[in-house]
Amino acid sequence: MFRRGKSIEQGLTRTRRSFFGRIGSLLGQSEIGDEVWEELEELLIQADVGVAATVDLVQTVRDQADSEGLRSAGLVEEALRQKLVGILVQGPGTSCAKDGLWIILVVGVNGSGKTTSIAKLGRYHQQQGRKVLLAAADTFRAAATEQLGIWGERLGADVIAHQPGADPAAVVYDAIQAGEARGADTLIVDTAGRLHTKHNLMQELEKIYRVIKKQVAGAPQETLLVLDATTGQNALSQARYFNDAVDVNGIFLAKLDGTAKGGIVFAIATELGIPIRYVGIGEELDDLLEFDGQKFVAGLFEDSS
């Protein structure tokens, strides 16, 4: 896991101390009977793992414990951890090509932490020695362009923007032209997140897609959906909606440090099959981590701080 700022253990403090810490205590009992399995199921559901995923997970671990004669609480917990890691969808690495413009299309509802996540991605690429350019293609909200401009100043990255109400695809076209002219390596595109205008938004995103693909072969290389971890199961309905509109190939889970229900990660993996690529665990630019399933699960149970 690429570490900066906070560690994954720090980011998962609230989740660990609430639900998964209780799971650890539960599995520390000398005897693991029916009541323990039932309480385990309840805790996982409360942690937003999701009902279907939880029922299947607990039954699988219970069957393994029975078939292998696992009576030790430590062995049962280890079996649970392995199953949790197995649920998580691990996508291929996101190492950028050395030549050409790497374009990241970022989608998500307003208020999900999208703009802050874009800034963190910008810093992430800068720390790999890449020149970053931002495109303010959420032209519906003037505040969105202003916010991106502020983050651009903090990053020292140029922001390509038009007047409020302009054609978002035109912004993206100009941003690609600017990126190539200025020798940029990474272009990160902000987009609108108006759930109540689904048809218009889908058309808008599809047009942006066409422009990107026409201008840069193989782009966008990443289409990231930003989800607010604190919204729990509501994040799933948002994910389905955006995945219908564009070909999302990665999740950026924002505000993970602000929720006690980090189990939403497993619900996303089970329901959508889209890999989680990054997590946001704070307000600072460096508070981004590449997602690693094994380290994530370890952070749910262990506190190394």
Protein backbone atom coordinates (compact mmCIF):
# COMPACT_ATOMS: atom_id res chain seq x y z
CA MET A 1 0.00 0.00 0.00
CA PHE A 2 1.36 3.42 -1.01
CA ARG A 3 1.51 5.29 2.29
CA ARG A 4 1.35 8.98 2.95
CA GLY A 5 -0.21 10.96 5.76
CA LYS A 6 -2.33 8.74 7.96
CA SER A 7 -2.00 4.97 8.03
CA ILE A 8 -4.85 2.60 7.22
CA GLU A 9 -4.98 1.65 10.91
CA GLN A 10 -5.62 5.29 11.82
CA GLY A 11 -8.21 5.64 9.09
CA LEU A 12 -10.13 2.60 10.35
CA THR A 13 -10.07 3.58 14.03
CA ARG A 14 -13.81 4.24 14.30
CA THR A 15 -14.79 1.04 12.51
CA ARG A 16 -12.30 -1.06 14.45
CA ARG A 17 -13.34 0.30 17.85
CA SER A 18 -17.01 -0.18 17.18
CA PHE A 19 -17.98 -3.25 15.19
CA PHE A 20 -14.83 -5.14 14.27
CA GLY A 21 -13.31 -4.66 17.69
CA ARG A 22 -16.44 -6.27 19.11
CA ILE A 23 -16.06 -9.11 16.63
CA GLY A 24 -12.54 -9.70 17.89
CA SER A 25 -13.81 -9.82 21.47
CA LEU A 26 -16.68 -12.08 20.45
CA LEU A 27 -14.36 -14.59 18.83
CA GLY A 28 -12.14 -14.50 21.88
CA GLN A 29 -14.69 -16.55 23.82
CA SER A 30 -13.65 -20.02 24.88
CA GLU A 31 -16.62 -21.68 23.20
CA ILE A 32 -18.05 -20.73 19.84
CA GLY A 33 -21.65 -21.83 19.81
CA ASP A 34 -24.83 -20.83 18.00
CA GLU A 35 -25.17 -17.56 19.91
CA VAL A 36 -21.69 -16.47 18.87
CA TRP A 37 -22.41 -17.12 15.19
CA GLU A 38 -25.70 -15.21 15.43
CA GLU A 39 -24.05 -12.25 17.12
CA LEU A 40 -21.26 -12.28 14.54
CA GLU A 41 -23.88 -12.05 11.81
CA GLU A 42 -25.58 -9.12 13.55
CA LEU A 43 -22.32 -7.21 13.98
CA LEU A 44 -21.33 -7.64 10.34
CA ILE A 45 -24.72 -6.42 9.15
CA GLN A 46 -24.50 -3.41 11.49
CA ALA A 47 -21.07 -2.64 10.04
CA ASP A 48 -22.69 -2.31 6.57
CA VAL A 49 -21.21 -5.49 5.11
CA GLY A 50 -24.69 -6.14 3.69
CA VAL A 51 -27.25 -8.81 4.53
CA ALA A 52 -26.63 -11.17 1.61
CA ALA A 53 -22.85 -10.95 1.89
CA THR A 54 -22.99 -11.42 5.66
CA VAL A 55 -25.21 -14.49 5.61
CA ASP A 56 -23.02 -16.14 2.98
CA LEU A 57 -19.81 -15.14 4.78
CA VAL A 58 -20.83 -16.42 8.20
CA GLN A 59 -22.18 -19.68 6.80
CA THR A 60 -18.97 -20.25 4.83
CA VAL A 61 -16.77 -19.65 7.88
CA ARG A 62 -19.02 -21.80 10.04
CA ASP A 63 -18.90 -24.66 7.53
CA GLN A 64 -15.12 -24.40 7.40
CA ALA A 65 -14.91 -24.42 11.20
CA ASP A 66 -17.07 -27.55 11.34
CA SER A 67 -15.30 -29.41 8.54
CA GLU A 68 -11.80 -28.59 9.77
CA GLY A 69 -12.61 -28.92 13.45
CA LEU A 70 -11.67 -25.33 14.23
CA ARG A 71 -12.38 -24.84 17.92
CA SER A 72 -9.78 -22.21 18.72
CA ALA A 73 -11.13 -18.66 18.59
CA GLY A 74 -7.90 -17.55 16.95
CA LEU A 75 -8.29 -20.06 14.12
CA VAL A 76 -11.90 -19.04 13.53
CA GLU A 77 -10.92 -15.37 13.43
CA GLU A 78 -8.15 -16.16 10.95
CA ALA A 79 -10.64 -18.04 8.77
CA LEU A 80 -12.97 -15.03 8.90
CA ARG A 81 -10.15 -12.68 7.92
CA GLN A 82 -9.18 -14.83 4.95
CA LYS A 83 -12.78 -14.91 3.72
CA LEU A 84 -13.05 -11.13 4.08
CA VAL A 85 -9.90 -10.65 2.01
CA GLY A 86 -11.30 -13.06 -0.57
CA ILE A 87 -14.44 -10.96 -0.97
CA LEU A 88 -12.52 -7.85 -1.93
CA VAL A 89 -12.04 -7.31 -5.64
CA GLN A 90 -8.42 -6.59 -6.41
CA GLY A 91 -8.00 -4.83 -9.70
CA PRO A 92 -4.80 -4.60 -11.75
CA GLY A 93 -2.28 -1.94 -10.82
CA THR A 94 -2.77 1.62 -11.99
CA SER A 95 0.81 2.42 -13.01
CA CYS A 96 0.68 5.14 -15.64
CA ALA A 97 2.18 4.95 -19.07
CA LYS A 98 5.43 6.89 -19.39
CA ASP A 99 4.38 8.53 -22.63
CA GLY A 100 1.12 10.23 -23.53
CA LEU A 101 -1.59 11.86 -21.45
CA TRP A 102 -3.09 9.74 -18.66
CA ILE A 103 -6.71 10.83 -18.25
CA ILE A 104 -8.74 10.15 -15.11
CA LEU A 105 -12.48 10.76 -15.38
CA VAL A 106 -13.96 11.27 -11.90
CA VAL A 107 -17.69 10.84 -11.26
CA GLY A 108 -19.87 10.91 -8.16
CA VAL A 109 -22.71 12.77 -6.50
CA ASN A 110 -22.29 16.29 -5.20
CA GLY A 111 -21.21 16.20 -1.57
CA SER A 112 -19.46 12.83 -1.85
CA GLY A 113 -16.03 14.37 -1.40
CA LYS A 114 -15.35 14.30 -5.13
CA THR A 115 -13.42 17.57 -5.40
CA THR A 116 -11.22 16.83 -2.39
CA SER A 117 -10.57 13.35 -3.76
CA ILE A 118 -9.51 14.85 -7.08
CA ALA A 119 -7.03 17.07 -5.24
CA LYS A 120 -5.61 14.04 -3.40
CA LEU A 121 -5.25 12.18 -6.70
CA GLY A 122 -3.45 15.22 -8.07
CA ARG A 123 -0.96 15.17 -5.21
CA TYR A 124 -0.57 11.40 -5.59
CA HIS A 125 0.47 11.81 -9.23
CA GLN A 126 2.70 14.79 -8.48
CA GLN A 127 4.59 12.73 -5.93
CA GLN A 128 5.33 10.28 -8.72
CA GLY A 129 6.98 13.10 -10.66
CA ARG A 130 4.07 13.72 -13.01
CA LYS A 131 2.80 17.10 -14.19
CA VAL A 132 -0.91 17.35 -13.34
CA LEU A 133 -3.67 19.33 -15.01
CA LEU A 134 -7.25 19.62 -13.73
CA ALA A 135 -10.41 20.07 -15.82
CA ALA A 136 -13.47 21.74 -14.28
CA ALA A 137 -16.16 19.96 -16.29
CA ASP A 138 -18.85 20.38 -13.62
CA THR A 139 -20.09 23.58 -15.21
CA PHE A 140 -23.55 23.32 -13.67
CA ARG A 141 -22.33 24.59 -10.28
CA ALA A 142 -20.14 27.69 -10.22
CA ALA A 143 -19.02 26.63 -6.75
CA ALA A 144 -17.56 23.42 -8.19
CA THR A 145 -15.24 25.36 -10.47
CA GLU A 146 -14.25 27.69 -7.63
CA GLN A 147 -13.48 24.78 -5.30
CA LEU A 148 -11.39 23.04 -7.92
CA GLY A 149 -9.55 26.31 -8.53
CA ILE A 150 -8.66 26.58 -4.85
CA TRP A 151 -7.30 23.04 -4.80
CA GLY A 152 -5.42 23.73 -8.02
CA GLU A 153 -3.66 26.66 -6.35
CA ARG A 154 -2.71 24.48 -3.40
CA LEU A 155 -1.33 21.86 -5.74
CA GLY A 156 0.35 24.31 -8.04
CA ALA A 157 -1.58 22.72 -10.90
CA ASP A 158 -3.34 24.54 -13.74
CA VAL A 159 -7.14 24.30 -13.91
CA ILE A 160 -8.90 24.47 -17.26
CA ALA A 161 -12.36 26.02 -16.82
CA HIS A 162 -15.09 27.79 -18.81
CA GLN A 163 -17.94 30.03 -17.78
CA PRO A 164 -20.79 28.54 -15.67
CA GLY A 165 -23.25 26.66 -17.85
CA ALA A 166 -20.72 25.95 -20.59
CA ASP A 167 -20.63 22.63 -22.43
CA PRO A 168 -18.67 20.23 -20.18
CA ALA A 169 -17.37 18.32 -23.19
CA ALA A 170 -15.91 21.55 -24.57
CA VAL A 171 -14.05 22.05 -21.29
CA VAL A 172 -12.61 18.55 -21.56
CA TYR A 173 -11.62 19.10 -25.20
CA ASP A 174 -9.76 22.29 -24.27
CA ALA A 175 -8.18 20.57 -21.26
CA ILE A 176 -6.80 17.78 -23.46
CA GLN A 177 -5.42 20.32 -25.92
CA ALA A 178 -3.86 22.27 -23.05
CA GLY A 179 -2.46 19.14 -21.47
CA GLU A 180 -0.71 18.11 -24.64
CA ALA A 181 0.55 21.65 -25.35
CA ARG A 182 1.90 22.12 -21.81
CA GLY A 183 3.49 18.71 -21.53
CA ALA A 184 1.16 17.44 -18.80
CA ASP A 185 1.33 13.78 -17.82
CA THR A 186 -1.99 13.44 -15.96
CA LEU A 187 -5.33 15.11 -16.63
CA ILE A 188 -7.98 14.71 -13.93
CA VAL A 189 -11.52 15.59 -15.01
CA ASP A 190 -14.21 16.67 -12.56
CA THR A 191 -17.82 16.05 -13.65
CA ALA A 192 -21.30 16.95 -12.45
CA GLY A 193 -23.15 14.82 -9.94
CA ARG A 194 -26.80 15.75 -10.28
CA LEU A 195 -28.73 12.60 -9.45
CA HIS A 196 -32.10 14.25 -10.03
CA THR A 197 -31.34 14.83 -13.72
CA LYS A 198 -30.34 11.30 -14.60
CA HIS A 199 -31.06 11.43 -18.33
CA ASN A 200 -29.20 14.72 -18.87
CA LEU A 201 -26.25 13.58 -16.79
CA MET A 202 -25.93 10.32 -18.68
CA GLN A 203 -25.95 12.20 -21.97
CA GLU A 204 -23.39 14.65 -20.63
CA LEU A 205 -21.05 11.89 -19.44
CA GLU A 206 -21.40 9.97 -22.68
CA LYS A 207 -20.48 13.08 -24.66
CA ILE A 208 -17.42 13.68 -22.46
CA TYR A 209 -16.45 10.05 -23.02
CA ARG A 210 -16.68 10.40 -26.78
CA VAL A 211 -14.53 13.53 -26.76
CA ILE A 212 -11.85 11.90 -24.63
CA LYS A 213 -11.73 8.72 -26.71
CA LYS A 214 -11.56 10.68 -29.95
CA GLN A 215 -8.69 12.86 -28.75
CA VAL A 216 -6.56 10.30 -26.86
CA ALA A 217 -6.35 6.64 -27.83
CA GLY A 218 -7.16 4.29 -24.95
CA ALA A 219 -8.42 7.07 -22.69
CA PRO A 220 -9.84 7.58 -20.15
CA GLN A 221 -7.46 5.09 -18.59
CA GLU A 222 -9.24 5.39 -15.26
CA THR A 223 -12.91 6.14 -14.63
CA LEU A 224 -13.20 6.52 -10.88
CA LEU A 225 -16.42 6.69 -8.90
CA VAL A 226 -16.09 8.62 -5.64
CA LEU A 227 -18.31 7.21 -2.90
CA ASP A 228 -18.82 8.69 0.56
CA ALA A 229 -18.17 5.88 3.04
CA THR A 230 -20.37 7.58 5.65
CA THR A 231 -23.49 7.10 3.51
CA GLY A 232 -23.36 3.33 4.02
CA GLN A 233 -25.75 1.31 1.89
CA ASN A 234 -26.87 4.43 -0.02
CA ALA A 235 -23.45 4.35 -1.66
CA LEU A 236 -24.49 1.16 -3.45
CA SER A 237 -27.46 2.74 -5.21
CA GLN A 238 -25.24 5.65 -6.29
CA ALA A 239 -22.67 3.22 -7.63
CA ARG A 240 -25.23 1.33 -9.69
CA TYR A 241 -26.52 4.57 -11.16
CA PHE A 242 -23.14 5.86 -12.30
CA ASN A 243 -22.02 2.46 -13.51
CA ASP A 244 -25.02 2.48 -15.84
CA ALA A 245 -23.92 5.84 -17.23
CA VAL A 246 -20.20 5.17 -17.65
CA ASP A 247 -17.84 2.23 -17.55
CA VAL A 248 -16.55 2.68 -13.99
CA ASN A 249 -13.34 0.70 -13.49
CA GLY A 250 -12.44 1.79 -9.98
CA ILE A 251 -13.82 3.14 -6.71
CA PHE A 252 -12.37 5.97 -4.65
CA LEU A 253 -13.89 5.52 -1.18
CA ALA A 254 -13.83 8.91 0.52
CA LYS A 255 -14.26 9.83 4.20
CA LEU A 256 -13.44 6.32 5.42
CA ASP A 257 -12.09 7.79 8.64
CA GLY A 258 -15.48 9.37 9.33
CA THR A 259 -17.52 6.19 9.58
CA ALA A 260 -17.84 3.36 12.07
CA LYS A 261 -19.26 1.21 9.27
CA GLY A 262 -16.24 0.44 7.11
CA GLY A 263 -17.86 -2.84 6.15
CA ILE A 264 -19.38 -1.00 3.18
CA VAL A 265 -16.17 -1.96 1.36
CA PHE A 266 -17.30 -5.60 1.34
CA ALA A 267 -20.81 -4.71 0.22
CA ILE A 268 -19.41 -2.76 -2.72
CA ALA A 269 -17.19 -5.67 -3.73
CA THR A 270 -20.01 -8.21 -3.40
CA GLU A 271 -22.74 -6.21 -5.11
CA LEU A 272 -20.78 -4.44 -7.85
CA GLY A 273 -17.57 -6.36 -8.53
CA ILE A 274 -15.72 -3.07 -9.08
CA PRO A 275 -12.27 -2.83 -7.48
CA ILE A 276 -11.66 -0.23 -4.80
CA ARG A 277 -8.48 1.54 -5.89
CA TYR A 278 -8.09 4.34 -3.37
CA VAL A 279 -9.37 5.34 0.06
CA GLY A 280 -9.49 8.81 1.56
CA ILE A 281 -8.77 8.87 5.29
CA GLY A 282 -8.56 12.55 6.20
CA GLU A 283 -8.81 16.13 5.00
CA GLU A 284 -5.18 16.70 4.03
CA LEU A 285 -3.84 16.28 0.51
CA ASP A 286 -1.64 13.40 1.61
CA ASP A 287 -4.49 11.45 3.20
CA LEU A 288 -4.87 9.01 0.33
CA LEU A 289 -3.96 5.33 0.30
CA GLU A 290 -3.87 2.84 -2.51
CA PHE A 291 -6.27 0.10 -1.52
CA ASP A 292 -4.81 -3.20 -0.37
CA GLY A 293 -7.32 -5.85 0.69
CA GLN A 294 -5.06 -7.71 3.10
CA LYS A 295 -3.86 -4.57 4.85
CA PHE A 296 -7.40 -3.24 4.98
CA VAL A 297 -8.71 -6.36 6.71
CA ALA A 298 -5.74 -6.39 9.09
CA GLY A 299 -6.50 -2.75 9.94
CA LEU A 300 -10.06 -3.69 10.89
CA PHE A 301 -8.84 -6.03 13.61
CA GLU A 302 -5.45 -4.68 14.64
CA ASP A 303 -4.39 -1.37 16.12
CA SER A 304 -0.68 -0.79 15.61
CA SER A 305 -0.76 2.89 16.56
